[in-house]
Amino acid sequence: MTQKMSAADPAVAEARQWGKLVAAFRTPQAGRSIFEIAVTVVPFIGIWVAAALSVANGYWAGLLLTIPAAAFLVRIFMLQHDCGHGSLFNRASLNNWTGRALGVLTFAPYDYWRRSHAIHHATAGNLDQRGIGDITTITVLEYQALPRLGRLRYRLYRHPLVMFGLGPAWLFLCQYRLPIGLMKAGSEPWISTIATNLAIVVVAGSLMWLLGPVVFLSVQLPILLMAATIGVWLFYVQHQFEETHWSEGEEWNFHRAAVHGSSFYDLPPVLRWLSGNIGVHHVHHLSSKIPFYRLPDVLEAIPELKQVGRITLRESLGCVKLVLWDSSRKRLVSFREAAAGAHS
């Protein structure tokens, strides 16, 4: 009964129709993909080397170069992200080995990340399947049912200093070193993680030998931590916005959750390029096989999608306070709003 009602829902029908239309954009172009890798990885390496040589020669102002280097590292991660979806090249092996190589630069083991991210795509917006590859989000009723210590723990987890400071550092420096949570996924995530860690040790050790540990860490850590914070912020805004969509049981529908549970983060052109168009996230969730460089083409072909889940850079800053899903109002709310609702 519920499934039939869901299928008859105009929002579901519309999302499914869009899903059919965007399928035409799923074919990657090998030449374009290679070009995108070149114009991302080569500048990153060049900026990294320039920053390191400046510091090695006593010009500590060269550390300012870590800022653009971090931006390019974010774009490298987006290339790795597309490899994980099999959308950068037609051949699975080419996607996988490219992704594994890029994972050494991003400190994100490719197969480990790919498995957890696939779970995120399959369960996004589903209240019954939370906890892997997503930002932990609980409902107002679940929060109110927690003991005082549980509420404090969740408040700390959702605090901006933890979410965008300690969290990204823990994720990329510690959590990604062992694929805990994917014990049942077979040996592939473990092999990928160990191989990536070994490759990182070899590269980092070689650069420390050439430049010295102080120079290497002075350049690498700021780049990695800034890029990690930007990456977590982008991922956060893609699903943690006021008019997002969550549902449970048979009410959950993949197409509706993809389109209405993911934002269209309408960024300025430069930021759009550096983030690999990942702001067009509702289209990405609707069809993850679309190469990142074809996502803008989808918006031009289907203008209606430009108005679905759209948030600007300024509007996105207000998303930080949205921490609880209010099932009665069908939107994310702040702790203050939840408390006010409980006393009204």
Protein backbone atom coordinates (compact mmCIF):
# COMPACT_ATOMS: atom_id res chain seq x y z
CA MET A 1 0.00 0.00 0.00
CA THR A 2 2.73 2.45 1.03
CA GLN A 3 4.88 1.57 -1.95
CA LYS A 4 2.00 2.25 -4.33
CA MET A 5 1.36 5.58 -2.65
CA SER A 6 5.05 6.43 -2.91
CA ALA A 7 5.09 5.56 -6.60
CA ALA A 8 2.09 7.79 -7.15
CA ASP A 9 3.73 10.70 -5.32
CA PRO A 10 4.32 13.52 -7.87
CA ALA A 11 7.76 14.24 -6.37
CA VAL A 12 8.78 10.60 -6.84
CA ALA A 13 7.43 10.47 -10.38
CA GLU A 14 9.22 13.69 -11.29
CA ALA A 15 12.51 12.50 -9.77
CA ARG A 16 12.27 9.21 -11.68
CA GLN A 17 11.66 11.08 -14.92
CA TRP A 18 14.73 13.23 -14.29
CA GLY A 19 16.66 10.05 -13.59
CA LYS A 20 15.83 8.80 -17.08
CA LEU A 21 16.78 12.11 -18.70
CA VAL A 22 20.17 12.49 -17.01
CA ALA A 23 21.24 8.99 -18.07
CA ALA A 24 22.24 10.49 -21.43
CA PHE A 25 25.16 12.27 -19.72
CA ARG A 26 26.78 9.21 -18.18
CA THR A 27 29.41 8.55 -20.86
CA PRO A 28 32.90 9.76 -19.87
CA GLN A 29 35.34 11.20 -22.40
CA ALA A 30 38.80 9.69 -21.89
CA GLY A 31 40.66 12.69 -23.35
CA ARG A 32 38.74 15.13 -21.17
CA SER A 33 39.30 13.00 -18.07
CA ILE A 34 43.07 12.82 -18.68
CA PHE A 35 43.12 16.59 -19.25
CA GLU A 36 41.29 17.20 -15.95
CA ILE A 37 43.77 15.01 -14.10
CA ALA A 38 46.72 16.85 -15.67
CA VAL A 39 45.44 20.37 -14.92
CA THR A 40 44.82 19.34 -11.31
CA VAL A 41 47.74 17.12 -10.29
CA VAL A 42 50.52 19.01 -12.09
CA PRO A 43 49.68 22.43 -10.53
CA PHE A 44 49.30 20.78 -7.11
CA ILE A 45 52.76 19.24 -7.31
CA GLY A 46 54.21 22.50 -8.62
CA ILE A 47 52.70 24.58 -5.82
CA TRP A 48 53.74 22.00 -3.20
CA VAL A 49 57.34 22.05 -4.41
CA ALA A 50 57.40 25.85 -4.52
CA ALA A 51 56.10 26.05 -0.95
CA ALA A 52 58.61 23.47 0.27
CA LEU A 53 61.60 25.15 -1.43
CA SER A 54 60.56 28.53 -0.02
CA VAL A 55 60.42 27.16 3.52
CA ALA A 56 63.66 25.21 3.05
CA ASN A 57 65.38 28.48 2.11
CA GLY A 58 63.99 30.34 5.08
CA TYR A 59 61.16 32.14 3.31
CA TRP A 60 58.33 31.10 5.63
CA ALA A 61 55.93 33.35 3.74
CA GLY A 62 55.98 30.53 1.21
CA LEU A 63 53.55 28.74 3.51
CA LEU A 64 50.86 30.97 1.99
CA LEU A 65 51.15 28.69 -1.03
CA THR A 66 49.65 25.90 1.05
CA ILE A 67 46.27 27.59 0.61
CA PRO A 68 46.01 27.13 -3.19
CA ALA A 69 47.71 23.74 -2.81
CA ALA A 70 44.93 22.66 -0.44
CA ALA A 71 42.33 23.83 -2.95
CA PHE A 72 43.93 21.70 -5.66
CA LEU A 73 44.11 18.74 -3.27
CA VAL A 74 40.34 19.03 -2.82
CA ARG A 75 39.99 18.76 -6.59
CA ILE A 76 42.27 15.73 -6.62
CA PHE A 77 39.93 14.11 -4.12
CA MET A 78 37.01 14.86 -6.45
CA LEU A 79 38.85 13.04 -9.24
CA GLN A 80 39.35 10.10 -6.89
CA HIS A 81 35.66 10.38 -6.01
CA ASP A 82 34.66 10.01 -9.67
CA CYS A 83 36.96 7.01 -10.03
CA GLY A 84 35.13 5.43 -7.11
CA HIS A 85 31.85 5.80 -8.97
CA GLY A 86 33.36 4.43 -12.18
CA SER A 87 32.60 7.69 -13.96
CA LEU A 88 36.01 9.08 -14.90
CA PHE A 89 36.83 6.35 -17.44
CA ASN A 90 34.90 3.59 -19.18
CA ARG A 91 37.21 0.84 -17.95
CA ALA A 92 36.77 -0.23 -14.32
CA SER A 93 40.44 -1.14 -13.96
CA LEU A 94 41.53 2.30 -15.16
CA ASN A 95 39.18 3.99 -12.70
CA ASN A 96 40.39 1.81 -9.85
CA TRP A 97 44.12 2.17 -10.40
CA THR A 98 43.84 5.90 -11.02
CA GLY A 99 41.81 6.22 -7.82
CA ARG A 100 44.36 4.21 -5.85
CA ALA A 101 47.21 6.41 -7.08
CA LEU A 102 45.32 9.59 -6.21
CA GLY A 103 44.53 8.12 -2.80
CA VAL A 104 48.22 8.38 -1.90
CA LEU A 105 48.03 12.15 -2.40
CA THR A 106 44.73 12.56 -0.53
CA PHE A 107 45.62 10.15 2.31
CA ALA A 108 42.28 8.42 1.62
CA PRO A 109 42.67 4.68 0.81
CA TYR A 110 40.68 4.26 -2.37
CA ASP A 111 38.92 0.92 -1.84
CA TYR A 112 38.14 1.68 1.81
CA TRP A 113 36.61 5.02 0.91
CA ARG A 114 34.83 3.64 -2.16
CA ARG A 115 33.03 0.94 -0.15
CA SER A 116 31.80 3.27 2.59
CA HIS A 117 30.79 5.93 0.06
CA ALA A 118 28.78 3.39 -1.94
CA ILE A 119 26.82 2.62 1.22
CA HIS A 120 26.16 6.34 1.63
CA HIS A 121 24.74 6.59 -1.88
CA ALA A 122 22.54 3.54 -1.39
CA THR A 123 21.10 4.73 1.92
CA ALA A 124 21.15 8.56 1.79
CA GLY A 125 18.07 10.04 3.44
CA ASN A 126 17.02 6.68 4.92
CA LEU A 127 16.37 6.95 8.65
CA ASP A 128 16.54 3.17 8.95
CA GLN A 129 20.08 2.96 7.57
CA ARG A 130 22.36 5.56 9.10
CA GLY A 131 25.93 5.48 10.33
CA ILE A 132 28.27 4.50 7.47
CA GLY A 133 29.70 7.09 5.11
CA ASP A 134 27.51 9.94 6.34
CA ILE A 135 27.21 12.70 8.93
CA THR A 136 25.52 11.15 11.95
CA THR A 137 22.09 12.74 12.25
CA ILE A 138 19.42 11.83 14.78
CA THR A 139 15.80 12.87 15.10
CA VAL A 140 14.37 15.25 17.68
CA LEU A 141 12.62 12.37 19.44
CA GLU A 142 15.81 10.29 19.50
CA TYR A 143 17.72 13.21 20.98
CA GLN A 144 15.10 13.83 23.64
CA ALA A 145 15.20 10.14 24.61
CA LEU A 146 18.97 10.22 25.18
CA PRO A 147 20.40 10.42 28.72
CA ARG A 148 22.22 13.62 29.64
CA LEU A 149 25.62 12.15 28.75
CA GLY A 150 24.30 11.00 25.36
CA ARG A 151 22.98 14.49 24.60
CA LEU A 152 26.32 16.03 25.57
CA ARG A 153 28.18 13.56 23.35
CA TYR A 154 25.97 14.40 20.35
CA ARG A 155 26.28 18.14 21.01
CA LEU A 156 30.06 17.84 21.07
CA TYR A 157 30.04 15.78 17.86
CA ARG A 158 27.94 18.41 16.07
CA HIS A 159 29.91 21.39 17.45
CA PRO A 160 31.63 23.29 14.58
CA LEU A 161 35.06 23.02 16.20
CA VAL A 162 34.72 19.24 16.27
CA MET A 163 32.83 18.79 12.99
CA PHE A 164 35.14 21.02 10.93
CA GLY A 165 38.30 21.02 13.06
CA LEU A 166 39.07 17.86 15.00
CA GLY A 167 36.81 15.70 12.83
CA PRO A 168 38.58 16.16 9.47
CA ALA A 169 42.00 15.73 11.13
CA TRP A 170 40.88 12.50 12.80
CA LEU A 171 39.29 11.20 9.60
CA PHE A 172 42.24 11.69 7.26
CA LEU A 173 45.12 11.17 9.69
CA CYS A 174 43.73 8.37 11.86
CA GLN A 175 40.47 6.76 10.77
CA TYR A 176 41.56 6.21 7.18
CA ARG A 177 44.63 4.32 8.36
CA LEU A 178 42.54 1.23 9.24
CA PRO A 179 39.22 0.25 7.57
CA ILE A 180 37.39 -0.35 10.84
CA GLY A 181 33.67 -0.76 10.15
CA LEU A 182 34.20 -2.69 6.92
CA MET A 183 35.17 -5.99 8.51
CA LYS A 184 32.57 -7.84 6.41
CA ALA A 185 33.59 -6.21 3.12
CA GLY A 186 36.33 -8.73 2.40
CA SER A 187 40.07 -8.21 2.08
CA GLU A 188 40.06 -5.50 -0.60
CA PRO A 189 39.62 -2.48 1.73
CA TRP A 190 42.37 -3.83 4.00
CA ILE A 191 44.79 -4.47 1.16
CA SER A 192 44.07 -1.03 -0.31
CA THR A 193 44.52 0.67 3.05
CA ILE A 194 47.79 -1.08 3.87
CA ALA A 195 49.15 -0.46 0.34
CA THR A 196 48.16 3.22 0.52
CA ASN A 197 49.75 3.58 3.94
CA LEU A 198 52.97 2.01 2.70
CA ALA A 199 53.02 4.25 -0.36
CA ILE A 200 52.46 7.30 1.87
CA VAL A 201 55.35 6.22 4.10
CA VAL A 202 57.66 5.80 1.08
CA VAL A 203 56.71 9.17 -0.45
CA ALA A 204 56.74 11.04 2.86
CA GLY A 205 59.97 9.38 3.95
CA SER A 206 61.68 10.28 0.67
CA LEU A 207 60.57 13.90 0.90
CA MET A 208 61.67 14.11 4.54
CA TRP A 209 65.08 12.75 3.53
CA LEU A 210 65.36 15.34 0.74
CA LEU A 211 63.90 18.35 2.54
CA GLY A 212 64.01 17.48 6.21
CA PRO A 213 61.07 16.52 8.42
CA VAL A 214 60.40 20.09 9.58
CA VAL A 215 60.02 21.41 6.03
CA PHE A 216 57.90 18.44 4.93
CA LEU A 217 55.52 18.59 7.90
CA SER A 218 55.31 22.40 7.76
CA VAL A 219 54.02 22.16 4.20
CA GLN A 220 52.13 18.86 4.12
CA LEU A 221 50.12 19.12 7.33
CA PRO A 222 48.51 22.53 6.58
CA ILE A 223 47.66 21.41 3.05
CA LEU A 224 46.13 18.14 4.18
CA LEU A 225 44.20 19.61 7.11
CA MET A 226 42.83 22.55 5.13
CA ALA A 227 41.77 20.26 2.29
CA ALA A 228 40.21 17.81 4.76
CA THR A 229 38.20 20.60 6.40
CA ILE A 230 37.00 21.90 3.03
CA GLY A 231 36.06 18.39 1.98
CA VAL A 232 34.07 17.73 5.16
CA TRP A 233 32.35 21.10 4.78
CA LEU A 234 31.30 20.31 1.22
CA PHE A 235 30.02 16.89 2.24
CA TYR A 236 28.15 18.45 5.18
CA VAL A 237 26.37 21.10 3.12
CA GLN A 238 25.38 18.54 0.49
CA HIS A 239 22.92 16.89 2.87
CA GLN A 240 22.67 19.03 6.01
CA PHE A 241 20.43 21.82 4.79
CA GLU A 242 17.03 22.87 6.09
CA GLU A 243 14.82 21.52 3.30
CA THR A 244 16.63 18.21 2.91
CA HIS A 245 14.69 14.94 2.85
CA TRP A 246 14.67 12.02 5.28
CA SER A 247 12.16 9.19 5.49
CA GLU A 248 11.90 5.65 6.78
CA GLY A 249 10.44 2.27 5.99
CA GLU A 250 8.55 1.95 2.73
CA GLU A 251 8.19 5.72 2.52
CA TRP A 252 11.86 5.99 1.55
CA ASN A 253 12.43 6.20 -2.20
CA PHE A 254 15.85 6.36 -3.84
CA HIS A 255 14.95 8.91 -6.53
CA ARG A 256 13.18 11.30 -4.19
CA ALA A 257 15.95 11.01 -1.59
CA ALA A 258 18.57 11.69 -4.28
CA VAL A 259 16.93 14.81 -5.68
CA HIS A 260 15.39 16.30 -2.54
CA GLY A 261 17.82 14.96 0.06
CA SER A 262 20.88 16.44 -1.69
CA SER A 263 21.56 20.12 -2.26
CA PHE A 264 22.48 22.15 -5.29
CA TYR A 265 25.33 24.17 -3.77
CA ASP A 266 25.44 27.10 -6.19
CA LEU A 267 29.06 28.21 -5.83
CA PRO A 268 30.99 30.97 -7.64
CA PRO A 269 32.75 29.71 -10.84
CA VAL A 270 36.25 29.40 -9.33
CA LEU A 271 35.01 27.40 -6.33
CA ARG A 272 32.82 25.34 -8.63
CA TRP A 273 35.90 24.38 -10.67
CA LEU A 274 38.08 23.64 -7.65
CA SER A 275 35.36 21.48 -6.08
CA GLY A 276 34.81 19.51 -9.27
CA ASN A 277 31.16 20.60 -9.60
CA ILE A 278 30.32 18.47 -6.56
CA GLY A 279 27.84 21.18 -5.56
CA VAL A 280 25.51 19.80 -8.22
CA HIS A 281 24.98 17.07 -5.71
CA HIS A 282 21.34 16.26 -6.31
CA VAL A 283 22.16 15.31 -9.90
CA HIS A 284 25.20 13.37 -8.75
CA HIS A 285 23.07 11.30 -6.35
CA LEU A 286 20.45 10.79 -9.01
CA SER A 287 23.07 9.30 -11.35
CA SER A 288 26.54 8.88 -9.85
CA LYS A 289 27.92 7.61 -13.17
CA ILE A 290 27.86 11.11 -14.65
CA PRO A 291 31.44 12.50 -14.90
CA PHE A 292 31.89 15.63 -12.80
CA TYR A 293 32.65 17.77 -15.85
CA ARG A 294 29.26 16.91 -17.38
CA LEU A 295 27.15 17.87 -14.35
CA PRO A 296 26.78 21.53 -15.48
CA ASP A 297 25.51 20.22 -18.84
CA VAL A 298 22.69 18.45 -17.00
CA LEU A 299 21.57 21.71 -15.39
CA GLU A 300 21.52 23.42 -18.76
CA ALA A 301 19.51 20.59 -20.28
CA ILE A 302 17.05 20.41 -17.36
CA PRO A 303 16.74 23.99 -16.00
CA GLU A 304 14.17 22.91 -13.39
CA LEU A 305 16.97 21.21 -11.44
CA LYS A 306 18.62 24.60 -10.84
CA GLN A 307 15.85 25.46 -8.38
CA VAL A 308 15.74 22.16 -6.47
CA GLY A 309 17.59 22.24 -3.15
CA ARG A 310 19.52 25.34 -4.19
CA ILE A 311 21.62 27.07 -1.54
CA THR A 312 24.19 29.82 -2.02
CA LEU A 313 27.55 30.20 -0.31
CA ARG A 314 26.10 32.75 2.12
CA GLU A 315 23.04 30.63 2.86
CA SER A 316 25.19 27.58 3.51
CA LEU A 317 26.74 29.20 6.59
CA GLY A 318 23.38 28.90 8.33
CA CYS A 319 23.42 25.12 7.87
CA VAL A 320 25.88 24.68 10.72
CA LYS A 321 23.13 25.09 13.33
CA LEU A 322 20.87 22.45 11.74
CA VAL A 323 21.54 19.32 13.77
CA LEU A 324 18.31 17.36 14.31
CA TRP A 325 15.68 15.95 11.98
CA ASP A 326 12.18 17.03 12.97
CA SER A 327 9.88 14.31 11.61
CA SER A 328 6.74 16.34 12.30
CA ARG A 329 7.96 19.40 10.37
CA LYS A 330 9.95 17.40 7.79
CA ARG A 331 13.07 19.54 8.08
CA LEU A 332 16.31 19.91 9.97
CA VAL A 333 16.22 22.11 13.04
CA SER A 334 18.64 23.54 15.59
CA PHE A 335 18.94 22.48 19.22
CA ARG A 336 17.16 25.70 20.18
CA GLU A 337 14.26 25.05 17.82
CA ALA A 338 13.94 21.50 19.12
CA ALA A 339 13.86 22.73 22.70
CA ALA A 340 11.28 25.40 21.87
CA GLY A 341 9.09 22.81 20.15
CA ALA A 342 9.27 20.53 23.18
CA HIS A 343 7.95 23.30 25.43
CA SER A 344 5.30 24.67 23.09
